[in-house]
Amino acid sequence: MDKVIAIDGPSASGKSTLARNLSEALHIPYINTGSMFRATAWAAARRNIAWDDEKALENMLRTLTMEYRQSAAGDFELFCDDTFPGEELRSTEIAAGASKVGTLLSVRAELKRLQQQMSKIGWIVMEGRDIGTVIFPEAQFKFFVTASPMERARRRLAQEGDKAGGSLEEVAAAIAERDRQDSTRAVAPLKPAEDAELVDNSNMTYEETFNYIYNKVKDAVL
């Protein structure tokens, strides 16, 4: 089995914070696959490559250096061609680009190759939407972290305020629609792996969710 803690789930489920903090507690790398799709869009924009030019994107990814490096603060940060994109990856424009490049089969195949290579360094925490089903079907631990759309909307509004994009009901509706799109797409749909443990944290605090998963994996990793 692969020495991977796979954490899948929909947007605003808290999986990114959970994965990042697990990596810190376990002293192992944290890989955010969503950032890799954003980095692909970011790198393409810097090279004037259109986000729907599948062949050019495929060729770019075959030569692009993309890796997670540990910073002086101990965090694992994504470097792309020896550059740290940082907050640029979180812009609305790059997020839109990531959604476009993520629909291309050859892009997903190249990123899958890069993601699988990252496991060769030893234990890793990897989060996304298809880690346990597509990237690492043999992961030693698989969790599918979720919560109701309304609860995820509350969290997003608490975190982002006006930037969340509307009222509680509007944000919840947008989240539910994103879930529908992700779960019905033809390529790598959002769904729990058959052997994944479903963790619905609608009525759990963050600390309860973290401790539950940490206690499941710590003996194997530490």
C-alpha atoms as a PDB file:
ATOM      1  CA  MET A   1       0.000   0.000   0.000  1.00  0.00           C
ATOM      2  CA  ASP A   2       1.075   3.588  -0.632  1.00  0.00           C
ATOM      3  CA  LYS A   3       2.186   5.600   2.394  1.00  0.00           C
ATOM      4  CA  VAL A   4      -0.485   8.204   1.742  1.00  0.00           C
ATOM      5  CA  ILE A   5      -3.166   9.792   3.892  1.00  0.00           C
ATOM      6  CA  ALA A   6      -5.775  10.669   1.263  1.00  0.00           C
ATOM      7  CA  ILE A   7      -8.268  13.342   2.252  1.00  0.00           C
ATOM      8  CA  ASP A   8     -11.003  13.952  -0.293  1.00  0.00           C
ATOM      9  CA  GLY A   9     -14.124  16.031  -0.059  1.00  0.00           C
ATOM     10  CA  PRO A  10     -16.097  18.934  -1.477  1.00  0.00           C
ATOM     11  CA  SER A  11     -15.177  22.606  -1.264  1.00  0.00           C
ATOM     12  CA  ALA A  12     -15.411  24.369   2.120  1.00  0.00           C
ATOM     13  CA  SER A  13     -15.435  21.084   4.027  1.00  0.00           C
ATOM     14  CA  GLY A  14     -12.307  22.066   5.915  1.00  0.00           C
ATOM     15  CA  LYS A  15     -10.136  19.426   4.281  1.00  0.00           C
ATOM     16  CA  SER A  16      -7.297  21.799   3.354  1.00  0.00           C
ATOM     17  CA  THR A  17      -6.831  23.124   6.893  1.00  0.00           C
ATOM     18  CA  LEU A  18      -7.169  19.606   8.232  1.00  0.00           C
ATOM     19  CA  ALA A  19      -4.563  18.188   5.833  1.00  0.00           C
ATOM     20  CA  ARG A  20      -2.130  21.042   6.464  1.00  0.00           C
ATOM     21  CA  ASN A  21      -2.358  20.675  10.241  1.00  0.00           C
ATOM     22  CA  LEU A  22      -2.080  16.902  10.044  1.00  0.00           C
ATOM     23  CA  SER A  23       1.143  17.261   8.096  1.00  0.00           C
ATOM     24  CA  GLU A  24       2.540  19.583  10.753  1.00  0.00           C
ATOM     25  CA  ALA A  25       1.535  17.290  13.611  1.00  0.00           C
ATOM     26  CA  LEU A  26       2.920  14.199  11.855  1.00  0.00           C
ATOM     27  CA  HIS A  27       6.008  15.974  10.398  1.00  0.00           C
ATOM     28  CA  ILE A  28       5.282  14.815   6.856  1.00  0.00           C
ATOM     29  CA  PRO A  29       4.699  16.762   3.602  1.00  0.00           C
ATOM     30  CA  TYR A  30       1.278  18.165   2.713  1.00  0.00           C
ATOM     31  CA  ILE A  31       0.257  18.117  -0.944  1.00  0.00           C
ATOM     32  CA  ASN A  32      -2.685  20.255  -2.083  1.00  0.00           C
ATOM     33  CA  THR A  33      -3.634  18.980  -5.534  1.00  0.00           C
ATOM     34  CA  GLY A  34      -5.947  21.930  -6.141  1.00  0.00           C
ATOM     35  CA  SER A  35      -2.919  24.212  -5.918  1.00  0.00           C
ATOM     36  CA  MET A  36      -1.240  22.142  -8.620  1.00  0.00           C
ATOM     37  CA  PHE A  37      -4.116  22.801 -11.027  1.00  0.00           C
ATOM     38  CA  ARG A  38      -3.924  26.480 -10.124  1.00  0.00           C
ATOM     39  CA  ALA A  39      -0.167  26.447 -10.673  1.00  0.00           C
ATOM     40  CA  THR A  40      -0.737  24.934 -14.107  1.00  0.00           C
ATOM     41  CA  ALA A  41      -3.058  27.802 -15.019  1.00  0.00           C
ATOM     42  CA  TRP A  42      -0.630  30.321 -13.493  1.00  0.00           C
ATOM     43  CA  ALA A  43       2.363  28.934 -15.403  1.00  0.00           C
ATOM     44  CA  ALA A  44       0.380  28.853 -18.653  1.00  0.00           C
ATOM     45  CA  ALA A  45      -0.629  32.498 -18.225  1.00  0.00           C
ATOM     46  CA  ARG A  46       3.022  33.474 -17.739  1.00  0.00           C
ATOM     47  CA  ARG A  47       3.856  31.698 -20.995  1.00  0.00           C
ATOM     48  CA  ASN A  48       0.874  33.078 -22.941  1.00  0.00           C
ATOM     49  CA  ILE A  49      -0.566  29.582 -23.334  1.00  0.00           C
ATOM     50  CA  ALA A  50      -4.347  29.450 -23.620  1.00  0.00           C
ATOM     51  CA  TRP A  51      -6.092  27.425 -20.919  1.00  0.00           C
ATOM     52  CA  ASP A  52      -7.884  25.337 -23.564  1.00  0.00           C
ATOM     53  CA  ASP A  53      -4.743  24.574 -25.618  1.00  0.00           C
ATOM     54  CA  GLU A  54      -4.426  20.983 -24.461  1.00  0.00           C
ATOM     55  CA  LYS A  55      -1.323  20.058 -26.451  1.00  0.00           C
ATOM     56  CA  ALA A  56       0.624  23.137 -25.377  1.00  0.00           C
ATOM     57  CA  LEU A  57      -0.354  22.586 -21.740  1.00  0.00           C
ATOM     58  CA  GLU A  58       0.687  18.944 -21.927  1.00  0.00           C
ATOM     59  CA  ASN A  59       4.094  19.899 -23.359  1.00  0.00           C
ATOM     60  CA  MET A  60       4.520  22.595 -20.704  1.00  0.00           C
ATOM     61  CA  LEU A  61       3.836  20.164 -17.855  1.00  0.00           C
ATOM     62  CA  ARG A  62       6.426  17.703 -19.155  1.00  0.00           C
ATOM     63  CA  THR A  63       9.177  20.264 -18.549  1.00  0.00           C
ATOM     64  CA  LEU A  64       7.686  22.279 -15.692  1.00  0.00           C
ATOM     65  CA  THR A  65       9.248  21.854 -12.252  1.00  0.00           C
ATOM     66  CA  MET A  66       6.505  21.594  -9.651  1.00  0.00           C
ATOM     67  CA  GLU A  67       7.295  20.499  -6.118  1.00  0.00           C
ATOM     68  CA  TYR A  68       6.525  21.137  -2.488  1.00  0.00           C
ATOM     69  CA  ARG A  69       9.430  22.451  -0.444  1.00  0.00           C
ATOM     70  CA  GLN A  70       9.672  22.996   3.262  1.00  0.00           C
ATOM     71  CA  SER A  71      10.073  26.644   4.198  1.00  0.00           C
ATOM     72  CA  ALA A  72      12.110  27.989   7.098  1.00  0.00           C
ATOM     73  CA  ALA A  73       8.852  28.138   9.066  1.00  0.00           C
ATOM     74  CA  GLY A  74       8.344  24.411   8.506  1.00  0.00           C
ATOM     75  CA  ASP A  75       5.427  24.746   6.075  1.00  0.00           C
ATOM     76  CA  PHE A  76       5.381  22.869   2.776  1.00  0.00           C
ATOM     77  CA  GLU A  77       4.891  25.370  -0.039  1.00  0.00           C
ATOM     78  CA  LEU A  78       4.381  24.817  -3.750  1.00  0.00           C
ATOM     79  CA  PHE A  79       7.241  25.967  -5.959  1.00  0.00           C
ATOM     80  CA  CYS A  80       6.822  26.178  -9.710  1.00  0.00           C
ATOM     81  CA  ASP A  81       9.985  26.549 -11.793  1.00  0.00           C
ATOM     82  CA  ASP A  82      11.795  27.650  -8.617  1.00  0.00           C
ATOM     83  CA  THR A  83       9.243  30.411  -8.076  1.00  0.00           C
ATOM     84  CA  PHE A  84       6.821  30.617  -5.162  1.00  0.00           C
ATOM     85  CA  PRO A  85       3.492  31.825  -6.645  1.00  0.00           C
ATOM     86  CA  GLY A  86       1.919  32.253  -3.197  1.00  0.00           C
ATOM     87  CA  GLU A  87      -1.202  34.407  -3.140  1.00  0.00           C
ATOM     88  CA  GLU A  88      -1.231  34.678  -6.941  1.00  0.00           C
ATOM     89  CA  LEU A  89      -2.660  31.157  -7.031  1.00  0.00           C
ATOM     90  CA  ARG A  90      -5.676  32.290  -5.033  1.00  0.00           C
ATOM     91  CA  SER A  91      -6.838  35.009  -7.413  1.00  0.00           C
ATOM     92  CA  THR A  92     -10.264  34.709  -9.033  1.00  0.00           C
ATOM     93  CA  GLU A  93      -8.675  34.677 -12.489  1.00  0.00           C
ATOM     94  CA  ILE A  94      -6.335  31.780 -11.717  1.00  0.00           C
ATOM     95  CA  ALA A  95      -9.141  29.851 -10.010  1.00  0.00           C
ATOM     96  CA  ALA A  96     -11.163  30.155 -13.222  1.00  0.00           C
ATOM     97  CA  GLY A  97      -8.152  28.982 -15.217  1.00  0.00           C
ATOM     98  CA  ALA A  98      -7.689  25.998 -12.920  1.00  0.00           C
ATOM     99  CA  SER A  99     -11.280  24.929 -13.552  1.00  0.00           C
ATOM    100  CA  LYS A 100     -10.656  25.066 -17.302  1.00  0.00           C
ATOM    101  CA  VAL A 101      -7.358  23.183 -17.380  1.00  0.00           C
ATOM    102  CA  GLY A 102      -8.802  20.617 -14.967  1.00  0.00           C
ATOM    103  CA  THR A 103     -11.257  19.414 -17.607  1.00  0.00           C
ATOM    104  CA  LEU A 104      -8.453  18.353 -19.976  1.00  0.00           C
ATOM    105  CA  LEU A 105      -7.548  14.669 -19.842  1.00  0.00           C
ATOM    106  CA  SER A 106      -3.875  15.100 -20.735  1.00  0.00           C
ATOM    107  CA  VAL A 107      -3.439  17.783 -18.059  1.00  0.00           C
ATOM    108  CA  ARG A 108      -4.967  15.520 -15.427  1.00  0.00           C
ATOM    109  CA  ALA A 109      -2.746  12.654 -16.597  1.00  0.00           C
ATOM    110  CA  GLU A 110       0.438  14.733 -16.330  1.00  0.00           C
ATOM    111  CA  LEU A 111      -0.505  16.075 -12.890  1.00  0.00           C
ATOM    112  CA  LYS A 112      -1.390  12.560 -11.754  1.00  0.00           C
ATOM    113  CA  ARG A 113       2.120  11.490 -12.750  1.00  0.00           C
ATOM    114  CA  LEU A 114       3.652  14.349 -10.765  1.00  0.00           C
ATOM    115  CA  GLN A 115       1.431  13.658  -7.758  1.00  0.00           C
ATOM    116  CA  GLN A 116       2.299   9.977  -7.699  1.00  0.00           C
ATOM    117  CA  GLN A 117       5.998  10.812  -7.844  1.00  0.00           C
ATOM    118  CA  MET A 118       5.614  12.850  -4.673  1.00  0.00           C
ATOM    119  CA  SER A 119       4.778   9.738  -2.653  1.00  0.00           C
ATOM    120  CA  LYS A 120       8.251   8.315  -3.237  1.00  0.00           C
ATOM    121  CA  ILE A 121       9.664  10.523  -0.485  1.00  0.00           C
ATOM    122  CA  GLY A 122       7.765   8.606   2.211  1.00  0.00           C
ATOM    123  CA  TRP A 123       4.575   9.383   4.094  1.00  0.00           C
ATOM    124  CA  ILE A 124       2.526  12.290   2.706  1.00  0.00           C
ATOM    125  CA  VAL A 125      -0.863  13.897   3.308  1.00  0.00           C
ATOM    126  CA  MET A 126      -2.605  14.616   0.019  1.00  0.00           C
ATOM    127  CA  GLU A 127      -5.962  16.295  -0.334  1.00  0.00           C
ATOM    128  CA  GLY A 128      -8.251  16.912  -3.249  1.00  0.00           C
ATOM    129  CA  ARG A 129     -11.328  15.406  -4.851  1.00  0.00           C
ATOM    130  CA  ASP A 130     -10.072  12.164  -6.391  1.00  0.00           C
ATOM    131  CA  ILE A 131      -7.046  11.149  -4.316  1.00  0.00           C
ATOM    132  CA  GLY A 132      -8.498   7.912  -2.968  1.00  0.00           C
ATOM    133  CA  THR A 133     -10.287   6.994  -6.176  1.00  0.00           C
ATOM    134  CA  VAL A 134      -7.842   7.978  -8.949  1.00  0.00           C
ATOM    135  CA  ILE A 135      -4.449   9.214  -7.735  1.00  0.00           C
ATOM    136  CA  PHE A 136      -3.783   6.742  -4.925  1.00  0.00           C
ATOM    137  CA  PRO A 137      -6.361   3.940  -4.956  1.00  0.00           C
ATOM    138  CA  GLU A 138      -3.905   1.954  -2.795  1.00  0.00           C
ATOM    139  CA  ALA A 139      -3.488   4.694  -0.159  1.00  0.00           C
ATOM    140  CA  GLN A 140      -3.091   3.260   3.317  1.00  0.00           C
ATOM    141  CA  PHE A 141      -5.600   5.748   4.746  1.00  0.00           C
ATOM    142  CA  LYS A 142      -8.578   7.266   2.952  1.00  0.00           C
ATOM    143  CA  PHE A 143     -10.982   9.814   4.381  1.00  0.00           C
ATOM    144  CA  PHE A 144     -13.851  11.623   2.690  1.00  0.00           C
ATOM    145  CA  VAL A 145     -14.506  14.792   4.694  1.00  0.00           C
ATOM    146  CA  THR A 146     -17.786  16.582   4.134  1.00  0.00           C
ATOM    147  CA  ALA A 147     -20.529  18.691   5.716  1.00  0.00           C
ATOM    148  CA  SER A 148     -23.915  19.970   4.639  1.00  0.00           C
ATOM    149  CA  PRO A 149     -23.955  22.819   2.092  1.00  0.00           C
ATOM    150  CA  MET A 150     -25.536  25.128   4.676  1.00  0.00           C
ATOM    151  CA  GLU A 151     -22.840  24.416   7.256  1.00  0.00           C
ATOM    152  CA  ARG A 152     -20.087  24.875   4.682  1.00  0.00           C
ATOM    153  CA  ALA A 153     -21.695  28.182   3.653  1.00  0.00           C
ATOM    154  CA  ARG A 154     -21.646  29.350   7.289  1.00  0.00           C
ATOM    155  CA  ARG A 155     -17.948  28.528   7.529  1.00  0.00           C
ATOM    156  CA  ARG A 156     -17.125  30.261   4.272  1.00  0.00           C
ATOM    157  CA  LEU A 157     -18.969  33.413   5.303  1.00  0.00           C
ATOM    158  CA  ALA A 158     -17.245  33.387   8.689  1.00  0.00           C
ATOM    159  CA  GLN A 159     -13.878  33.099   6.990  1.00  0.00           C
ATOM    160  CA  GLU A 160     -14.335  35.326   3.952  1.00  0.00           C
ATOM    161  CA  GLY A 161     -17.158  37.736   4.811  1.00  0.00           C
ATOM    162  CA  ASP A 162     -18.284  39.754   1.788  1.00  0.00           C
ATOM    163  CA  LYS A 163     -15.777  37.929  -0.409  1.00  0.00           C
ATOM    164  CA  ALA A 164     -17.840  34.742  -0.036  1.00  0.00           C
ATOM    165  CA  GLY A 165     -20.165  36.026  -2.745  1.00  0.00           C
ATOM    166  CA  GLY A 166     -23.597  36.568  -1.218  1.00  0.00           C
ATOM    167  CA  SER A 167     -25.996  35.750   1.600  1.00  0.00           C
ATOM    168  CA  LEU A 168     -25.923  32.495   3.550  1.00  0.00           C
ATOM    169  CA  GLU A 169     -28.612  31.007   1.308  1.00  0.00           C
ATOM    170  CA  GLU A 170     -26.884  32.179  -1.872  1.00  0.00           C
ATOM    171  CA  VAL A 171     -23.511  30.792  -0.830  1.00  0.00           C
ATOM    172  CA  ALA A 172     -25.118  27.491   0.208  1.00  0.00           C
ATOM    173  CA  ALA A 173     -26.860  27.248  -3.174  1.00  0.00           C
ATOM    174  CA  ALA A 174     -23.576  27.931  -4.991  1.00  0.00           C
ATOM    175  CA  ILE A 175     -21.816  25.263  -2.934  1.00  0.00           C
ATOM    176  CA  ALA A 176     -24.576  22.736  -3.661  1.00  0.00           C
ATOM    177  CA  GLU A 177     -24.325  23.498  -7.383  1.00  0.00           C
ATOM    178  CA  ARG A 178     -20.539  23.061  -7.271  1.00  0.00           C
ATOM    179  CA  ASP A 179     -21.087  19.697  -5.564  1.00  0.00           C
ATOM    180  CA  ARG A 180     -23.490  18.683  -8.318  1.00  0.00           C
ATOM    181  CA  GLN A 181     -21.060  19.654 -11.059  1.00  0.00           C
ATOM    182  CA  ASP A 182     -18.099  17.961  -9.394  1.00  0.00           C
ATOM    183  CA  SER A 183     -19.973  14.737  -8.653  1.00  0.00           C
ATOM    184  CA  THR A 184     -21.450  14.367 -12.153  1.00  0.00           C
ATOM    185  CA  ARG A 185     -18.452  15.371 -14.289  1.00  0.00           C
ATOM    186  CA  ALA A 186     -17.161  12.727 -16.685  1.00  0.00           C
ATOM    187  CA  VAL A 187     -13.517  12.994 -15.584  1.00  0.00           C
ATOM    188  CA  ALA A 188     -12.577  12.037 -11.993  1.00  0.00           C
ATOM    189  CA  PRO A 189     -15.945  12.839 -10.397  1.00  0.00           C
ATOM    190  CA  LEU A 190     -16.130  13.808  -6.739  1.00  0.00           C
ATOM    191  CA  LYS A 191     -17.126  10.706  -4.792  1.00  0.00           C
ATOM    192  CA  PRO A 192     -15.853   8.717  -1.829  1.00  0.00           C
ATOM    193  CA  ALA A 193     -13.641   5.742  -2.575  1.00  0.00           C
ATOM    194  CA  GLU A 194     -15.434   2.498  -1.741  1.00  0.00           C
ATOM    195  CA  ASP A 195     -13.000   1.870   1.117  1.00  0.00           C
ATOM    196  CA  ALA A 196     -12.828   5.478   2.355  1.00  0.00           C
ATOM    197  CA  GLU A 197     -14.109   6.459   5.769  1.00  0.00           C
ATOM    198  CA  LEU A 198     -16.833   9.084   5.524  1.00  0.00           C
ATOM    199  CA  VAL A 199     -16.330  11.900   8.043  1.00  0.00           C
ATOM    200  CA  ASP A 200     -19.365  14.201   8.119  1.00  0.00           C
ATOM    201  CA  ASN A 201     -18.312  17.077  10.352  1.00  0.00           C
ATOM    202  CA  SER A 202     -21.533  19.091  10.075  1.00  0.00           C
ATOM    203  CA  ASN A 203     -21.966  18.774  13.833  1.00  0.00           C
ATOM    204  CA  MET A 204     -18.301  18.470  14.786  1.00  0.00           C
ATOM    205  CA  THR A 205     -15.866  21.173  15.779  1.00  0.00           C
ATOM    206  CA  TYR A 206     -12.627  21.472  13.869  1.00  0.00           C
ATOM    207  CA  GLU A 207     -10.734  20.089  16.870  1.00  0.00           C
ATOM    208  CA  GLU A 208     -13.023  17.049  17.029  1.00  0.00           C
ATOM    209  CA  THR A 209     -12.506  16.356  13.325  1.00  0.00           C
ATOM    210  CA  PHE A 210      -8.739  16.756  13.567  1.00  0.00           C
ATOM    211  CA  ASN A 211      -8.387  14.568  16.655  1.00  0.00           C
ATOM    212  CA  TYR A 212     -10.560  11.855  15.144  1.00  0.00           C
ATOM    213  CA  ILE A 213      -8.406  11.515  12.024  1.00  0.00           C
ATOM    214  CA  TYR A 214      -5.098  12.099  13.824  1.00  0.00           C
ATOM    215  CA  ASN A 215      -5.815   9.265  16.237  1.00  0.00           C
ATOM    216  CA  LYS A 216      -6.639   6.982  13.298  1.00  0.00           C
ATOM    217  CA  VAL A 217      -3.262   7.502  11.582  1.00  0.00           C
ATOM    218  CA  LYS A 218      -0.682   8.473  14.193  1.00  0.00           C
ATOM    219  CA  ASP A 219       0.446   4.987  15.197  1.00  0.00           C
ATOM    220  CA  ALA A 220       1.208   4.039  11.590  1.00  0.00           C
ATOM    221  CA  VAL A 221       3.045   7.261  10.737  1.00  0.00           C
ATOM    222  CA  LEU A 222       4.942   8.195  13.889  1.00  0.00           C
END
